[in-house]
Amino acid sequence: MTAQTAFRRLTSAFVLAGALSAAVATAGAETLNMRYNVRVSGIKVFKVDYEGRLTKKAYEGKARVKPSGFGGLFLSSRSDMRVKGRMGNPSVKPEQFFMRKGKKKKMKEATVTYAGGHVKSWRRNPPRNAEKTKAINAAIAGRTVLDPLSMLVREGLKGPKAFCQGRQRVFDGHTVYDIVFRKEGTLRDKRLNGTLYRCRLIYVPVAGMSEKKKRRAKADPPYFDVTFAAVKDRDVGTILVPVSATGRLNGKSFSASMKRGKIGGEKLAARMAR
């Protein structure tokens, strides 16, 4: 797994929500605005901009990943992710997820639509070959599958006691993988003046990638140690928002840190749940 591929996986696990457009379902909702800086081996290479909204009935947002800092001189890979969905009982119910990734002249796009908590249809441009398409369809058939952003929305709504447990199958329109959750405790943060909750997300490949990449990832599973802040949203109550992450892939360390964060126009520190 390359550093750029690893970063896209980190972004998928790091962003809390996403969407395709400003829908009536979230009209009047508070907006969460975040920016993260990502460093590989201590060097800034990417930035992530995120904007999302959440209500008791629906969620939506969008995230964009672009080369930045030293990485901007050498990297051309970027990605965009969007999702919209509705709140279900007991879990979130995604409706449509979109992800574009790659270089300017070699972008790969995928769209996944859902019905009743299952994947209804998906398409990718350029399309997967017959062998990988068959493997992907077998891996998602009859299962409760989430896109990576809806997965994090679900975790963010569980609250500090119930989140970060179990295993979830994820499909982003390109590959299928499982995320295994493991709680890592808490810590106090002076910048936000509150408690942060730590969660390890372990990536397990399932389908859609080459056998070489699958073997490599299974032999040395990529993981992301993400810290979440519990903040108050005026409509839905307390939600968990990712504020930093660290990990190590292919012998290289990487980290993501919050450059700025606001909810409803206020800094996160002003909305920390005490």
Protein backbone atom coordinates (compact mmCIF):
# COMPACT_ATOMS: atom_id res chain seq x y z
CA MET A 1 0.00 0.00 0.00
CA THR A 2 1.51 3.34 -1.04
CA ALA A 3 1.54 6.40 1.18
CA GLN A 4 -1.09 8.04 -1.02
CA THR A 5 -3.38 4.98 -0.86
CA ALA A 6 -2.88 4.80 2.89
CA PHE A 7 -3.78 8.45 3.22
CA ARG A 8 -7.02 7.96 1.29
CA ARG A 9 -7.90 5.14 3.70
CA LEU A 10 -7.02 7.40 6.61
CA THR A 11 -9.25 10.10 5.19
CA SER A 12 -12.12 7.66 4.82
CA ALA A 13 -11.77 6.75 8.45
CA PHE A 14 -11.08 10.27 9.58
CA VAL A 15 -13.92 12.30 8.10
CA LEU A 16 -17.15 12.25 10.08
CA ALA A 17 -19.82 12.79 7.38
CA GLY A 18 -20.39 13.81 3.74
CA ALA A 19 -23.03 14.65 1.12
CA LEU A 20 -24.00 15.43 -2.46
CA SER A 21 -25.94 18.66 -2.10
CA ALA A 22 -27.75 20.93 0.34
CA ALA A 23 -30.94 18.95 0.95
CA VAL A 24 -34.16 20.08 2.57
CA ALA A 25 -33.73 17.34 5.19
CA THR A 26 -30.82 19.21 6.77
CA ALA A 27 -32.03 22.77 6.21
CA GLY A 28 -31.27 24.91 9.26
CA ALA A 29 -28.85 22.34 10.69
CA GLU A 30 -25.59 23.46 12.22
CA THR A 31 -22.59 23.13 9.90
CA LEU A 32 -19.42 21.36 10.97
CA ASN A 33 -16.33 22.80 9.24
CA MET A 34 -12.98 21.08 9.66
CA ARG A 35 -9.51 21.28 8.18
CA TYR A 36 -6.78 18.73 8.82
CA ASN A 37 -3.10 18.67 7.92
CA VAL A 38 -1.54 15.30 7.11
CA ARG A 39 2.15 14.54 7.50
CA VAL A 40 4.14 11.52 6.34
CA SER A 41 7.43 10.95 8.18
CA GLY A 42 6.96 14.41 9.68
CA ILE A 43 6.54 16.23 6.33
CA LYS A 44 3.26 17.94 5.44
CA VAL A 45 1.89 16.37 2.26
CA PHE A 46 -1.93 16.74 2.24
CA LYS A 47 -4.77 18.80 3.59
CA VAL A 48 -8.37 17.74 4.14
CA ASP A 49 -11.31 20.15 4.01
CA TYR A 50 -14.63 18.95 5.31
CA GLU A 51 -18.11 20.42 5.59
CA GLY A 52 -21.13 18.56 6.89
CA ARG A 53 -24.56 18.83 8.47
CA LEU A 54 -26.47 16.51 10.75
CA THR A 55 -30.06 16.42 12.00
CA LYS A 56 -32.22 13.89 13.80
CA LYS A 57 -33.54 12.76 10.40
CA ALA A 58 -30.65 13.03 7.94
CA TYR A 59 -26.94 13.68 7.38
CA GLU A 60 -24.90 15.10 4.52
CA GLY A 61 -21.53 16.67 3.78
CA LYS A 62 -18.44 16.66 1.58
CA ALA A 63 -14.70 16.22 1.94
CA ARG A 64 -11.81 17.12 -0.33
CA VAL A 65 -8.22 15.90 -0.13
CA LYS A 66 -5.49 17.87 -1.88
CA PRO A 67 -1.66 17.86 -1.86
CA SER A 68 -0.27 20.61 0.36
CA GLY A 69 3.03 21.85 1.73
CA PHE A 70 6.05 19.83 0.61
CA GLY A 71 3.73 17.24 -0.90
CA GLY A 72 2.25 19.85 -3.22
CA LEU A 73 5.57 19.99 -5.07
CA PHE A 74 5.57 16.30 -5.97
CA LEU A 75 2.12 14.77 -5.52
CA SER A 76 -0.84 15.12 -7.86
CA SER A 77 -3.19 12.58 -6.32
CA ARG A 78 -6.39 13.93 -4.79
CA SER A 79 -9.85 12.70 -3.81
CA ASP A 80 -13.40 13.88 -3.19
CA MET A 81 -15.99 12.06 -1.11
CA ARG A 82 -19.69 12.78 -0.67
CA VAL A 83 -22.57 10.98 0.98
CA LYS A 84 -26.15 11.60 1.96
CA GLY A 85 -28.33 9.45 4.14
CA ARG A 86 -31.06 9.27 6.72
CA MET A 87 -31.14 8.31 10.35
CA GLY A 88 -32.43 4.81 10.92
CA ASN A 89 -33.28 2.69 13.91
CA PRO A 90 -30.87 1.73 15.33
CA SER A 91 -28.25 2.68 12.71
CA VAL A 92 -27.71 5.24 9.97
CA LYS A 93 -29.15 4.52 6.52
CA PRO A 94 -26.96 5.78 3.64
CA GLU A 95 -28.73 6.63 0.40
CA GLN A 96 -25.90 7.50 -1.96
CA PHE A 97 -22.11 7.66 -1.71
CA PHE A 98 -19.68 9.08 -4.28
CA MET A 99 -15.90 8.93 -4.35
CA ARG A 100 -13.47 10.30 -6.93
CA LYS A 101 -9.75 9.63 -6.55
CA GLY A 102 -6.53 9.70 -8.53
CA LYS A 103 -4.61 12.17 -10.67
CA LYS A 104 -6.18 14.92 -12.77
CA LYS A 105 -6.00 13.00 -16.05
CA LYS A 106 -6.56 9.57 -14.49
CA MET A 107 -9.45 10.04 -12.09
CA LYS A 108 -11.45 7.02 -10.95
CA GLU A 109 -15.08 7.61 -9.96
CA ALA A 110 -17.51 5.38 -8.12
CA THR A 111 -21.13 5.76 -6.99
CA VAL A 112 -22.95 3.46 -4.58
CA THR A 113 -26.72 3.58 -3.96
CA TYR A 114 -28.50 1.91 -1.06
CA ALA A 115 -31.94 0.57 -0.19
CA GLY A 116 -33.01 -0.86 3.16
CA GLY A 117 -29.51 -0.88 4.58
CA HIS A 118 -28.03 -2.87 1.69
CA VAL A 119 -26.20 -1.93 -1.50
CA LYS A 120 -28.78 -1.60 -4.28
CA SER A 121 -26.38 -0.82 -7.12
CA TRP A 122 -22.89 0.46 -7.78
CA ARG A 123 -20.87 1.61 -10.73
CA ARG A 124 -17.26 2.58 -11.28
CA ASN A 125 -15.53 4.43 -14.10
CA PRO A 126 -13.33 2.88 -15.39
CA PRO A 127 -15.17 -0.36 -14.51
CA ARG A 128 -13.58 -3.20 -12.57
CA ASN A 129 -12.62 -6.32 -14.50
CA ALA A 130 -14.99 -9.30 -14.37
CA GLU A 131 -13.01 -11.16 -11.70
CA LYS A 132 -12.87 -8.23 -9.26
CA THR A 133 -16.50 -7.29 -9.94
CA LYS A 134 -17.59 -10.82 -9.08
CA ALA A 135 -15.52 -10.79 -5.87
CA ILE A 136 -16.93 -7.41 -4.83
CA ASN A 137 -20.53 -8.50 -5.44
CA ALA A 138 -19.99 -11.68 -3.43
CA ALA A 139 -18.45 -9.71 -0.55
CA ILE A 140 -21.40 -7.29 -0.23
CA ALA A 141 -24.32 -9.61 -1.10
CA GLY A 142 -26.92 -9.87 1.68
CA ARG A 143 -24.77 -7.96 4.17
CA THR A 144 -25.23 -4.73 6.04
CA VAL A 145 -22.56 -2.66 4.31
CA LEU A 146 -21.74 0.99 4.96
CA ASP A 147 -19.68 3.48 3.04
CA PRO A 148 -16.69 4.77 5.06
CA LEU A 149 -18.30 8.10 5.87
CA SER A 150 -21.61 6.69 7.06
CA MET A 151 -19.62 4.30 9.23
CA LEU A 152 -18.04 7.23 11.03
CA VAL A 153 -21.36 9.05 11.35
CA ARG A 154 -22.73 5.96 13.06
CA GLU A 155 -19.77 5.79 15.43
CA GLY A 156 -19.98 9.52 16.17
CA LEU A 157 -23.59 9.19 17.25
CA LYS A 158 -23.03 6.27 19.63
CA GLY A 159 -21.43 8.36 22.36
CA PRO A 160 -18.19 7.73 24.27
CA LYS A 161 -19.39 4.61 26.10
CA ALA A 162 -20.81 2.64 23.17
CA PHE A 163 -18.60 3.65 20.24
CA CYS A 164 -15.51 1.87 18.89
CA GLN A 165 -16.62 -1.74 19.22
CA GLY A 166 -17.02 -4.67 16.86
CA ARG A 167 -16.38 -5.03 13.14
CA GLN A 168 -17.98 -3.36 10.11
CA ARG A 169 -17.88 -4.23 6.39
CA VAL A 170 -17.23 -1.16 4.24
CA PHE A 171 -17.56 -0.54 0.50
CA ASP A 172 -16.40 2.70 -1.12
CA GLY A 173 -17.26 1.78 -4.73
CA HIS A 174 -13.66 0.77 -5.40
CA THR A 175 -12.79 -1.88 -2.81
CA VAL A 176 -14.42 -3.84 0.02
CA TYR A 177 -12.77 -4.05 3.42
CA ASP A 178 -13.60 -4.60 7.07
CA ILE A 179 -12.82 -2.16 9.85
CA VAL A 180 -12.16 -3.67 13.26
CA PHE A 181 -12.68 -1.26 16.17
CA ARG A 182 -10.72 -1.31 19.41
CA LYS A 183 -10.95 1.20 22.25
CA GLU A 184 -7.68 2.75 23.34
CA GLY A 185 -8.75 4.83 26.36
CA THR A 186 -8.95 8.58 26.93
CA LEU A 187 -6.68 11.60 27.32
CA ARG A 188 -6.98 15.21 28.36
CA ASP A 189 -6.39 17.88 25.73
CA LYS A 190 -5.29 21.39 26.75
CA ARG A 191 -6.11 22.97 23.38
CA LEU A 192 -9.75 21.88 23.52
CA ASN A 193 -9.88 21.88 27.33
CA GLY A 194 -11.62 18.53 27.50
CA THR A 195 -11.40 14.75 27.29
CA LEU A 196 -10.58 13.01 24.02
CA TYR A 197 -11.58 9.43 23.25
CA ARG A 198 -9.14 7.15 21.44
CA CYS A 199 -10.09 4.42 18.98
CA ARG A 200 -7.94 2.11 16.87
CA LEU A 201 -9.35 1.28 13.42
CA ILE A 202 -7.73 -1.78 11.86
CA TYR A 203 -8.06 -2.21 8.09
CA VAL A 204 -8.70 -5.75 6.80
CA PRO A 205 -8.84 -6.16 2.97
CA VAL A 206 -11.68 -8.24 1.48
CA ALA A 207 -12.20 -7.68 -2.28
CA GLY A 208 -11.42 -5.34 -5.18
CA MET A 209 -7.68 -5.02 -4.63
CA SER A 210 -4.86 -7.08 -6.11
CA GLU A 211 -3.84 -10.28 -4.36
CA LYS A 212 -0.40 -8.77 -3.73
CA LYS A 213 -1.89 -5.80 -1.88
CA LYS A 214 -4.27 -8.08 0.00
CA ARG A 215 -1.46 -10.35 1.20
CA ARG A 216 0.66 -7.37 2.24
CA ALA A 217 -2.18 -5.78 4.20
CA LYS A 218 -3.12 -9.04 5.91
CA ALA A 219 0.50 -9.71 6.89
CA ASP A 220 0.92 -6.22 8.36
CA PRO A 221 -2.59 -4.75 8.90
CA PRO A 222 -2.78 -0.98 8.43
CA TYR A 223 -4.24 0.76 11.44
CA PHE A 224 -5.28 4.26 12.41
CA ASP A 225 -5.30 5.53 16.00
CA VAL A 226 -7.96 8.24 15.93
CA THR A 227 -8.84 10.63 18.75
CA PHE A 228 -12.37 12.02 18.97
CA ALA A 229 -13.71 15.06 20.78
CA ALA A 230 -17.23 14.96 22.22
CA VAL A 231 -18.93 18.20 21.16
CA LYS A 232 -22.48 19.49 21.42
CA ASP A 233 -24.66 19.91 18.35
CA ARG A 234 -27.80 21.94 19.11
CA ASP A 235 -30.04 19.60 17.11
CA VAL A 236 -28.77 16.07 17.78
CA GLY A 237 -26.89 16.51 21.06
CA THR A 238 -23.41 15.15 21.74
CA ILE A 239 -21.44 13.86 18.75
CA LEU A 240 -17.90 12.55 18.43
CA VAL A 241 -15.71 14.48 16.00
CA PRO A 242 -12.25 13.22 14.93
CA VAL A 243 -9.52 15.72 15.75
CA SER A 244 -6.28 13.78 15.17
CA ALA A 245 -4.91 10.45 14.00
CA THR A 246 -1.61 8.60 13.82
CA GLY A 247 -0.43 5.37 12.26
CA ARG A 248 2.38 3.58 10.48
CA LEU A 249 2.40 2.00 7.00
CA ASN A 250 5.21 0.46 4.98
CA GLY A 251 7.77 1.61 7.52
CA LYS A 252 6.58 5.23 7.40
CA SER A 253 4.79 7.08 10.15
CA PHE A 254 1.92 9.42 9.34
CA SER A 255 -0.25 11.77 11.33
CA ALA A 256 -3.28 13.96 10.81
CA SER A 257 -4.05 16.94 13.02
CA MET A 258 -6.85 19.45 13.16
CA LYS A 259 -5.81 22.80 11.71
CA ARG A 260 -9.15 24.36 12.55
CA GLY A 261 -12.60 23.20 13.55
CA LYS A 262 -15.95 24.91 14.04
CA ILE A 263 -19.53 23.83 14.62
CA GLY A 264 -22.34 26.31 14.16
CA GLY A 265 -19.72 29.03 13.64
CA GLU A 266 -18.14 28.41 17.06
CA LYS A 267 -14.79 26.82 17.77
CA LEU A 268 -14.94 23.22 18.97
CA ALA A 269 -13.47 24.22 22.34
CA ALA A 270 -16.61 26.26 23.04
CA ARG A 271 -18.84 23.24 22.39
CA MET A 272 -16.94 20.54 24.26
CA ALA A 273 -19.22 18.23 26.26
CA ARG A 274 -18.06 18.45 29.88
